[in-house]
């Protein structure tokens, strides 16, 4: 309705809200991508260490970390869509 009546104040308010909303989604997707990357890096680092030469207690904790890092950590939106940069660019 504001578009048809060309109310500049309302259109400016709507564009600021839209920009703020897009920036907020981008920030969440960026943090989700960082979390996934760090999770994969942690799994790779624990897998490539010489864990079999460590004391038993340390080796057990590393094996647990390796088992958990097989499924990388991700941020999702309602368990429907993964929040990452590729998803942000596909939706935008």
PDB file of N, CA and C in Angstrom:
ATOM      1  N   UNK A   1       0.817  -1.177   0.000  1.00  0.00           N
ATOM      2  CA  UNK A   1       0.000   0.000   0.000  1.00  0.00           C
ATOM      3  C   UNK A   1       0.874   1.259   0.000  1.00  0.00           C
ATOM      4  N   UNK A   2       1.989   1.207   0.766  1.00  0.00           N
ATOM      5  CA  UNK A   2       2.883   2.360   0.792  1.00  0.00           C
ATOM      6  C   UNK A   2       3.566   2.556  -0.559  1.00  0.00           C
ATOM      7  N   UNK A   3       3.755   1.469  -1.280  1.00  0.00           N
ATOM      8  CA  UNK A   3       4.424   1.545  -2.577  1.00  0.00           C
ATOM      9  C   UNK A   3       3.552   2.310  -3.564  1.00  0.00           C
ATOM     10  N   UNK A   4       2.255   2.061  -3.532  1.00  0.00           N
ATOM     11  CA  UNK A   4       1.340   2.734  -4.455  1.00  0.00           C
ATOM     12  C   UNK A   4       1.183   4.209  -4.105  1.00  0.00           C
ATOM     13  N   UNK A   5       1.168   4.519  -2.824  1.00  0.00           N
ATOM     14  CA  UNK A   5       1.013   5.930  -2.447  1.00  0.00           C
ATOM     15  C   UNK A   5       2.347   6.652  -2.396  1.00  0.00           C
ATOM     16  N   UNK A   6       3.426   5.928  -2.680  1.00  0.00           N
ATOM     17  CA  UNK A   6       4.802   6.449  -2.690  1.00  0.00           C
ATOM     18  C   UNK A   6       5.143   7.229  -1.425  1.00  0.00           C
ATOM     19  N   UNK A   7       4.860   6.631  -0.285  1.00  0.00           N
ATOM     20  CA  UNK A   7       5.200   7.196   1.013  1.00  0.00           C
ATOM     21  C   UNK A   7       6.683   6.901   1.262  1.00  0.00           C
ATOM     22  N   UNK A   8       7.521   7.903   1.140  1.00  0.00           N
ATOM     23  CA  UNK A   8       8.966   7.695   1.201  1.00  0.00           C
ATOM     24  C   UNK A   8       9.448   7.262   2.587  1.00  0.00           C
ATOM     25  N   UNK A   9       8.821   7.746   3.634  1.00  0.00           N
ATOM     26  CA  UNK A   9       9.225   7.366   4.992  1.00  0.00           C
ATOM     27  C   UNK A   9       8.959   5.892   5.243  1.00  0.00           C
ATOM     28  N   UNK A  10       7.807   5.420   4.847  1.00  0.00           N
ATOM     29  CA  UNK A  10       7.463   4.009   5.037  1.00  0.00           C
ATOM     30  C   UNK A  10       8.356   3.125   4.170  1.00  0.00           C
ATOM     31  N   UNK A  11       8.636   3.552   2.949  1.00  0.00           N
ATOM     32  CA  UNK A  11       9.499   2.754   2.061  1.00  0.00           C
ATOM     33  C   UNK A  11      10.920   2.698   2.607  1.00  0.00           C
ATOM     34  N   UNK A  12      11.414   3.782   3.161  1.00  0.00           N
ATOM     35  CA  UNK A  12      12.745   3.793   3.758  1.00  0.00           C
ATOM     36  C   UNK A  12      12.791   2.879   4.978  1.00  0.00           C
ATOM     37  N   UNK A  13      11.747   2.934   5.797  1.00  0.00           N
ATOM     38  CA  UNK A  13      11.666   2.066   6.974  1.00  0.00           C
ATOM     39  C   UNK A  13      11.652   0.600   6.554  1.00  0.00           C
ATOM     40  N   UNK A  14      10.865   0.265   5.551  1.00  0.00           N
ATOM     41  CA  UNK A  14      10.797  -1.114   5.067  1.00  0.00           C
ATOM     42  C   UNK A  14      12.134  -1.580   4.507  1.00  0.00           C
ATOM     43  N   UNK A  15      12.835  -0.725   3.783  1.00  0.00           N
ATOM     44  CA  UNK A  15      14.122  -1.123   3.213  1.00  0.00           C
ATOM     45  C   UNK A  15      15.174  -1.309   4.306  1.00  0.00           C
ATOM     46  N   UNK A  16      15.135  -0.486   5.348  1.00  0.00           N
ATOM     47  CA  UNK A  16      16.071  -0.655   6.463  1.00  0.00           C
ATOM     48  C   UNK A  16      15.786  -1.957   7.201  1.00  0.00           C
ATOM     49  N   UNK A  17      14.511  -2.271   7.408  1.00  0.00           N
ATOM     50  CA  UNK A  17      14.143  -3.527   8.075  1.00  0.00           C
ATOM     51  C   UNK A  17      14.565  -4.719   7.230  1.00  0.00           C
ATOM     52  N   UNK A  18      14.360  -4.657   5.935  1.00  0.00           N
ATOM     53  CA  UNK A  18      14.757  -5.742   5.037  1.00  0.00           C
ATOM     54  C   UNK A  18      16.266  -5.935   5.032  1.00  0.00           C
ATOM     55  N   UNK A  19      17.013  -4.846   5.004  1.00  0.00           N
ATOM     56  CA  UNK A  19      18.469  -4.924   5.045  1.00  0.00           C
ATOM     57  C   UNK A  19      18.944  -5.502   6.367  1.00  0.00           C
ATOM     58  N   UNK A  20      18.343  -5.069   7.451  1.00  0.00           N
ATOM     59  CA  UNK A  20      18.699  -5.597   8.766  1.00  0.00           C
ATOM     60  C   UNK A  20      18.395  -7.086   8.864  1.00  0.00           C
ATOM     61  N   UNK A  21      17.277  -7.515   8.335  1.00  0.00           N
ATOM     62  CA  UNK A  21      16.888  -8.918   8.339  1.00  0.00           C
ATOM     63  C   UNK A  21      17.871  -9.758   7.518  1.00  0.00           C
ATOM     64  N   UNK A  22      18.237  -9.269   6.332  1.00  0.00           N
ATOM     65  CA  UNK A  22      19.185 -10.003   5.481  1.00  0.00           C
ATOM     66  C   UNK A  22      20.558 -10.081   6.140  1.00  0.00           C
ATOM     67  N   UNK A  23      20.998  -9.017   6.794  1.00  0.00           N
ATOM     68  CA  UNK A  23      22.287  -9.018   7.474  1.00  0.00           C
ATOM     69  C   UNK A  23      22.284  -9.986   8.651  1.00  0.00           C
ATOM     70  N   UNK A  24      21.181 -10.045   9.373  1.00  0.00           N
ATOM     71  CA  UNK A  24      21.063 -10.971  10.492  1.00  0.00           C
ATOM     72  C   UNK A  24      21.124 -12.424  10.018  1.00  0.00           C
ATOM     73  N   UNK A  25      20.447 -12.733   8.944  1.00  0.00           N
ATOM     74  CA  UNK A  25      20.494 -14.094   8.393  1.00  0.00           C
ATOM     75  C   UNK A  25      21.894 -14.409   7.899  1.00  0.00           C
ATOM     76  N   UNK A  26      22.551 -13.446   7.240  1.00  0.00           N
ATOM     77  CA  UNK A  26      23.914 -13.671   6.772  1.00  0.00           C
ATOM     78  C   UNK A  26      24.857 -13.938   7.946  1.00  0.00           C
ATOM     79  N   UNK A  27      24.703 -13.192   9.030  1.00  0.00           N
ATOM     80  CA  UNK A  27      25.559 -13.399  10.200  1.00  0.00           C
ATOM     81  C   UNK A  27      25.366 -14.796  10.778  1.00  0.00           C
ATOM     82  N   UNK A  28      24.124 -15.231  10.895  1.00  0.00           N
ATOM     83  CA  UNK A  28      23.865 -16.586  11.391  1.00  0.00           C
ATOM     84  C   UNK A  28      24.448 -17.640  10.466  1.00  0.00           C
ATOM     85  N   UNK A  29      24.316 -17.460   9.171  1.00  0.00           N
ATOM     86  CA  UNK A  29      24.865 -18.423   8.207  1.00  0.00           C
ATOM     87  C   UNK A  29      26.389 -18.434   8.263  1.00  0.00           C
ATOM     88  N   UNK A  30      27.011 -17.285   8.440  1.00  0.00           N
ATOM     89  CA  UNK A  30      28.461 -17.212   8.520  1.00  0.00           C
ATOM     90  C   UNK A  30      28.974 -17.938   9.768  1.00  0.00           C
ATOM     91  N   UNK A  31      28.313 -17.722  10.893  1.00  0.00           N
ATOM     92  CA  UNK A  31      28.705 -18.401  12.127  1.00  0.00           C
ATOM     93  C   UNK A  31      28.483 -19.905  11.994  1.00  0.00           C
ATOM     94  N   UNK A  32      27.407 -20.309  11.341  1.00  0.00           N
ATOM     95  CA  UNK A  32      27.163 -21.728  11.099  1.00  0.00           C
ATOM     96  C   UNK A  32      28.238 -22.348  10.229  1.00  0.00           C
ATOM     97  N   UNK A  33      28.701 -21.609   9.229  1.00  0.00           N
ATOM     98  CA  UNK A  33      29.778 -22.105   8.371  1.00  0.00           C
ATOM     99  C   UNK A  33      31.082 -22.230   9.154  1.00  0.00           C
ATOM    100  N   UNK A  34      31.378 -21.253  10.003  1.00  0.00           N
ATOM    101  CA  UNK A  34      32.583 -21.335  10.838  1.00  0.00           C
ATOM    102  C   UNK A  34      32.523 -22.533  11.775  1.00  0.00           C
ATOM    103  N   UNK A  35      31.365 -22.774  12.373  1.00  0.00           N
ATOM    104  CA  UNK A  35      31.200 -23.910  13.268  1.00  0.00           C
ATOM    105  C   UNK A  35      31.426 -25.228  12.533  1.00  0.00           C
ATOM    106  N   UNK A  36      30.865 -25.367  11.353  1.00  0.00           N
ATOM    107  CA  UNK A  36      31.037 -26.593  10.572  1.00  0.00           C
ATOM    108  C   UNK A  36      32.490 -26.780  10.167  1.00  0.00           C
ATOM    109  N   UNK A  37      33.148 -25.707   9.721  1.00  0.00           N
ATOM    110  CA  UNK A  37      34.551 -25.801   9.313  1.00  0.00           C
ATOM    111  C   UNK A  37      35.448 -26.185  10.483  1.00  0.00           C
ATOM    112  N   UNK A  38      35.223 -25.561  11.638  1.00  0.00           N
ATOM    113  CA  UNK A  38      36.037 -25.877  12.811  1.00  0.00           C
ATOM    114  C   UNK A  38      35.792 -27.300  13.290  1.00  0.00           C
ATOM    115  N   UNK A  39      34.564 -27.759  13.187  1.00  0.00           N
ATOM    116  CA  UNK A  39      34.247 -29.126  13.586  1.00  0.00           C
ATOM    117  C   UNK A  39      34.956 -30.136  12.686  1.00  0.00           C
ATOM    118  N   UNK A  40      34.953 -29.876  11.384  1.00  0.00           N
ATOM    119  CA  UNK A  40      35.658 -30.764  10.456  1.00  0.00           C
ATOM    120  C   UNK A  40      37.163 -30.731  10.687  1.00  0.00           C
ATOM    121  N   UNK A  41      37.690 -29.532  10.962  1.00  0.00           N
ATOM    122  CA  UNK A  41      39.124 -29.402  11.220  1.00  0.00           C
ATOM    123  C   UNK A  41      39.522 -30.148  12.492  1.00  0.00           C
ATOM    124  N   UNK A  42      38.689 -30.066  13.528  1.00  0.00           N
ATOM    125  CA  UNK A  42      38.958 -30.776  14.773  1.00  0.00           C
ATOM    126  C   UNK A  42      38.970 -32.286  14.542  1.00  0.00           C
ATOM    127  N   UNK A  43      38.014 -32.785  13.782  1.00  0.00           N
ATOM    128  CA  UNK A  43      37.978 -34.215  13.485  1.00  0.00           C
ATOM    129  C   UNK A  43      39.192 -34.667  12.702  1.00  0.00           C
ATOM    130  N   UNK A  44      39.630 -33.862  11.755  1.00  0.00           N
ATOM    131  CA  UNK A  44      40.816 -34.205  10.966  1.00  0.00           C
ATOM    132  C   UNK A  44      42.071 -34.187  11.824  1.00  0.00           C
ATOM    133  N   UNK A  45      42.188 -33.197  12.705  1.00  0.00           N
ATOM    134  CA  UNK A  45      43.378 -33.106  13.553  1.00  0.00           C
ATOM    135  C   UNK A  45      43.452 -34.256  14.545  1.00  0.00           C
ATOM    136  N   UNK A  46      42.317 -34.639  15.121  1.00  0.00           N
ATOM    137  CA  UNK A  46      42.356 -35.754  16.072  1.00  0.00           C
ATOM    138  C   UNK A  46      42.610 -37.078  15.363  1.00  0.00           C
ATOM    139  N   UNK A  47      42.164 -37.196  14.126  1.00  0.00           N
ATOM    140  CA  UNK A  47      42.375 -38.441  13.391  1.00  0.00           C
ATOM    141  C   UNK A  47      43.828 -38.604  12.944  1.00  0.00           C
ATOM    142  N   UNK A  48      44.503 -37.505  12.691  1.00  0.00           N
ATOM    143  CA  UNK A  48      45.871 -37.589  12.173  1.00  0.00           C
ATOM    144  C   UNK A  48      46.942 -37.548  13.256  1.00  0.00           C
ATOM    145  N   UNK A  49      46.547 -37.423  14.523  1.00  0.00           N
ATOM    146  CA  UNK A  49      47.551 -37.444  15.586  1.00  0.00           C
ATOM    147  C   UNK A  49      47.969 -38.882  15.872  1.00  0.00           C
ATOM    148  N   UNK A  50      49.069 -39.033  16.537  1.00  0.00           N
ATOM    149  CA  UNK A  50      49.526 -40.367  16.953  1.00  0.00           C
ATOM    150  C   UNK A  50      48.876 -40.715  18.284  1.00  0.00           C
ATOM    151  N   UNK A  51      47.580 -40.912  18.245  1.00  0.00           N
ATOM    152  CA  UNK A  51      46.817 -41.158  19.472  1.00  0.00           C
ATOM    153  C   UNK A  51      47.152 -42.507  20.093  1.00  0.00           C
ATOM    154  N   UNK A  52      47.658 -43.434  19.284  1.00  0.00           N
ATOM    155  CA  UNK A  52      47.985 -44.752  19.826  1.00  0.00           C
ATOM    156  C   UNK A  52      49.246 -44.730  20.686  1.00  0.00           C
ATOM    157  N   UNK A  53      49.992 -43.645  20.641  1.00  0.00           N
ATOM    158  CA  UNK A  53      51.196 -43.515  21.471  1.00  0.00           C
ATOM    159  C   UNK A  53      50.946 -42.736  22.749  1.00  0.00           C
ATOM    160  N   UNK A  54      49.762 -42.240  22.930  1.00  0.00           N
ATOM    161  CA  UNK A  54      49.419 -41.457  24.125  1.00  0.00           C
ATOM    162  C   UNK A  54      49.049 -42.393  25.276  1.00  0.00           C
ATOM    163  N   UNK A  55      49.055 -41.850  26.499  1.00  0.00           N
ATOM    164  CA  UNK A  55      48.558 -42.651  27.631  1.00  0.00           C
ATOM    165  C   UNK A  55      47.088 -43.038  27.406  1.00  0.00           C
ATOM    166  N   UNK A  56      46.654 -44.093  28.061  1.00  0.00           N
ATOM    167  CA  UNK A  56      45.337 -44.661  27.802  1.00  0.00           C
ATOM    168  C   UNK A  56      44.193 -43.681  28.030  1.00  0.00           C
ATOM    169  N   UNK A  57      44.276 -42.888  29.091  1.00  0.00           N
ATOM    170  CA  UNK A  57      43.190 -41.938  29.371  1.00  0.00           C
ATOM    171  C   UNK A  57      43.078 -40.884  28.274  1.00  0.00           C
ATOM    172  N   UNK A  58      44.206 -40.371  27.826  1.00  0.00           N
ATOM    173  CA  UNK A  58      44.187 -39.366  26.760  1.00  0.00           C
ATOM    174  C   UNK A  58      43.711 -39.983  25.447  1.00  0.00           C
ATOM    175  N   UNK A  59      44.163 -41.203  25.174  1.00  0.00           N
ATOM    176  CA  UNK A  59      43.759 -41.871  23.935  1.00  0.00           C
ATOM    177  C   UNK A  59      42.255 -42.114  23.916  1.00  0.00           C
ATOM    178  N   UNK A  60      41.680 -42.480  25.052  1.00  0.00           N
ATOM    179  CA  UNK A  60      40.238 -42.708  25.121  1.00  0.00           C
ATOM    180  C   UNK A  60      39.459 -41.430  24.846  1.00  0.00           C
ATOM    181  N   UNK A  61      39.929 -40.312  25.379  1.00  0.00           N
ATOM    182  CA  UNK A  61      39.216 -39.054  25.133  1.00  0.00           C
ATOM    183  C   UNK A  61      39.332 -38.648  23.667  1.00  0.00           C
ATOM    184  N   UNK A  62      40.495 -38.875  23.066  1.00  0.00           N
ATOM    185  CA  UNK A  62      40.647 -38.550  21.646  1.00  0.00           C
ATOM    186  C   UNK A  62      39.781 -39.455  20.777  1.00  0.00           C
ATOM    187  N   UNK A  63      39.667 -40.718  21.148  1.00  0.00           N
ATOM    188  CA  UNK A  63      38.812 -41.623  20.383  1.00  0.00           C
ATOM    189  C   UNK A  63      37.354 -41.172  20.485  1.00  0.00           C
ATOM    190  N   UNK A  64      36.952 -40.708  21.656  1.00  0.00           N
ATOM    191  CA  UNK A  64      35.596 -40.191  21.815  1.00  0.00           C
ATOM    192  C   UNK A  64      35.378 -38.952  20.946  1.00  0.00           C
ATOM    193  N   UNK A  65      36.355 -38.068  20.912  1.00  0.00           N
ATOM    194  CA  UNK A  65      36.251 -36.872  20.073  1.00  0.00           C
ATOM    195  C   UNK A  65      36.191 -37.259  18.603  1.00  0.00           C
ATOM    196  N   UNK A  66      36.992 -38.244  18.193  1.00  0.00           N
ATOM    197  CA  UNK A  66      36.955 -38.689  16.801  1.00  0.00           C
ATOM    198  C   UNK A  66      35.593 -39.281  16.450  1.00  0.00           C
ATOM    199  N   UNK A  67      35.002 -40.024  17.374  1.00  0.00           N
ATOM    200  CA  UNK A  67      33.690 -40.621  17.114  1.00  0.00           C
ATOM    201  C   UNK A  67      32.610 -39.545  16.986  1.00  0.00           C
ATOM    202  N   UNK A  68      32.671 -38.544  17.843  1.00  0.00           N
ATOM    203  CA  UNK A  68      31.678 -37.476  17.799  1.00  0.00           C
ATOM    204  C   UNK A  68      31.875 -36.607  16.557  1.00  0.00           C
ATOM    205  N   UNK A  69      33.108 -36.408  16.120  1.00  0.00           N
ATOM    206  CA  UNK A  69      33.362 -35.518  14.986  1.00  0.00           C
ATOM    207  C   UNK A  69      33.087 -36.172  13.640  1.00  0.00           C
ATOM    208  N   UNK A  70      32.658 -37.427  13.626  1.00  0.00           N
ATOM    209  CA  UNK A  70      32.251 -38.029  12.354  1.00  0.00           C
ATOM    210  C   UNK A  70      31.025 -37.337  11.776  1.00  0.00           C
ATOM    211  N   UNK A  71      30.187 -36.801  12.665  1.00  0.00           N
ATOM    212  CA  UNK A  71      29.037 -36.001  12.243  1.00  0.00           C
ATOM    213  C   UNK A  71      29.347 -34.559  12.625  1.00  0.00           C
ATOM    214  N   UNK A  72      29.700 -33.706  11.658  1.00  0.00           N
ATOM    215  CA  UNK A  72      30.100 -32.334  12.006  1.00  0.00           C
ATOM    216  C   UNK A  72      28.946 -31.536  12.603  1.00  0.00           C
ATOM    217  N   UNK A  73      29.295 -30.619  13.488  1.00  0.00           N
ATOM    218  CA  UNK A  73      28.300 -29.754  14.133  1.00  0.00           C
ATOM    219  C   UNK A  73      27.777 -28.742  13.122  1.00  0.00           C
ATOM    220  N   UNK A  74      26.471 -28.532  13.152  1.00  0.00           N
ATOM    221  CA  UNK A  74      25.837 -27.593  12.228  1.00  0.00           C
ATOM    222  C   UNK A  74      24.760 -26.818  12.960  1.00  0.00           C
ATOM    223  N   UNK A  75      24.509 -25.604  12.498  1.00  0.00           N
ATOM    224  CA  UNK A  75      23.391 -24.811  12.992  1.00  0.00           C
ATOM    225  C   UNK A  75      22.285 -24.954  11.959  1.00  0.00           C
ATOM    226  N   UNK A  76      21.076 -25.246  12.438  1.00  0.00           N
ATOM    227  CA  UNK A  76      19.963 -25.393  11.506  1.00  0.00           C
ATOM    228  C   UNK A  76      18.831 -24.463  11.900  1.00  0.00           C
ATOM    229  N   UNK A  77      17.999 -24.177  10.934  1.00  0.00           N
ATOM    230  CA  UNK A  77      16.822 -23.351  11.168  1.00  0.00           C
ATOM    231  C   UNK A  77      15.622 -24.280  11.299  1.00  0.00           C
ATOM    232  N   UNK A  78      15.234 -24.573  12.517  1.00  0.00           N
ATOM    233  CA  UNK A  78      14.100 -25.435  12.767  1.00  0.00           C
ATOM    234  C   UNK A  78      14.312 -26.871  12.319  1.00  0.00           C
ATOM    235  N   UNK A  79      15.547 -27.310  12.285  1.00  0.00           N
ATOM    236  CA  UNK A  79      15.918 -28.643  11.814  1.00  0.00           C
ATOM    237  C   UNK A  79      15.421 -28.921  10.402  1.00  0.00           C
ATOM    238  N   UNK A  80      15.232 -27.844   9.625  1.00  0.00           N
ATOM    239  CA  UNK A  80      14.781 -28.000   8.247  1.00  0.00           C
ATOM    240  C   UNK A  80      15.871 -27.639   7.243  1.00  0.00           C
ATOM    241  N   UNK A  81      16.634 -26.606   7.555  1.00  0.00           N
ATOM    242  CA  UNK A  81      17.649 -26.139   6.613  1.00  0.00           C
ATOM    243  C   UNK A  81      18.906 -25.794   7.389  1.00  0.00           C
ATOM    244  N   UNK A  82      20.032 -26.165   6.831  1.00  0.00           N
ATOM    245  CA  UNK A  82      21.327 -25.894   7.457  1.00  0.00           C
ATOM    246  C   UNK A  82      21.698 -24.436   7.229  1.00  0.00           C
ATOM    247  N   UNK A  83      22.192 -23.792   8.289  1.00  0.00           N
ATOM    248  CA  UNK A  83      22.601 -22.392   8.178  1.00  0.00           C
ATOM    249  C   UNK A  83      24.081 -22.348   7.823  1.00  0.00           C
ATOM    250  N   UNK A  84      24.390 -22.126   6.544  1.00  0.00           N
ATOM    251  CA  UNK A  84      25.759 -22.021   6.085  1.00  0.00           C
ATOM    252  C   UNK A  84      25.800 -21.045   4.910  1.00  0.00           C
ATOM    253  N   UNK A  85      26.991 -20.678   4.490  1.00  0.00           N
ATOM    254  CA  UNK A  85      27.111 -19.720   3.398  1.00  0.00           C
ATOM    255  C   UNK A  85      26.547 -20.241   2.067  1.00  0.00           C
ATOM    256  N   UNK A  86      26.781 -21.522   1.718  1.00  0.00           N
ATOM    257  CA  UNK A  86      26.145 -21.992   0.477  1.00  0.00           C
ATOM    258  C   UNK A  86      24.607 -21.920   0.518  1.00  0.00           C
ATOM    259  N   UNK A  87      24.023 -22.202   1.675  1.00  0.00           N
ATOM    260  CA  UNK A  87      22.569 -22.117   1.785  1.00  0.00           C
ATOM    261  C   UNK A  87      22.115 -20.666   1.677  1.00  0.00           C
ATOM    262  N   UNK A  88      22.874 -19.759   2.266  1.00  0.00           N
ATOM    263  CA  UNK A  88      22.527 -18.340   2.191  1.00  0.00           C
ATOM    264  C   UNK A  88      22.558 -17.864   0.742  1.00  0.00           C
ATOM    265  N   UNK A  89      23.584 -18.282   0.008  1.00  0.00           N
ATOM    266  CA  UNK A  89      23.682 -17.829  -1.388  1.00  0.00           C
ATOM    267  C   UNK A  89      22.627 -18.502  -2.267  1.00  0.00           C
ATOM    268  N   UNK A  90      22.192 -19.717  -1.931  1.00  0.00           N
ATOM    269  CA  UNK A  90      21.137 -20.370  -2.703  1.00  0.00           C
ATOM    270  C   UNK A  90      19.788 -19.709  -2.472  1.00  0.00           C
ATOM    271  N   UNK A  91      19.524 -19.289  -1.241  1.00  0.00           N
ATOM    272  CA  UNK A  91      18.239 -18.686  -0.920  1.00  0.00           C
ATOM    273  C   UNK A  91      18.184 -17.237  -1.397  1.00  0.00           C
ATOM    274  N   UNK A  92      19.296 -16.511  -1.247  1.00  0.00           N
ATOM    275  CA  UNK A  92      19.307 -15.089  -1.613  1.00  0.00           C
ATOM    276  C   UNK A  92      19.232 -14.928  -3.064  1.00  0.00           C
TER     277      UNK A  92
END
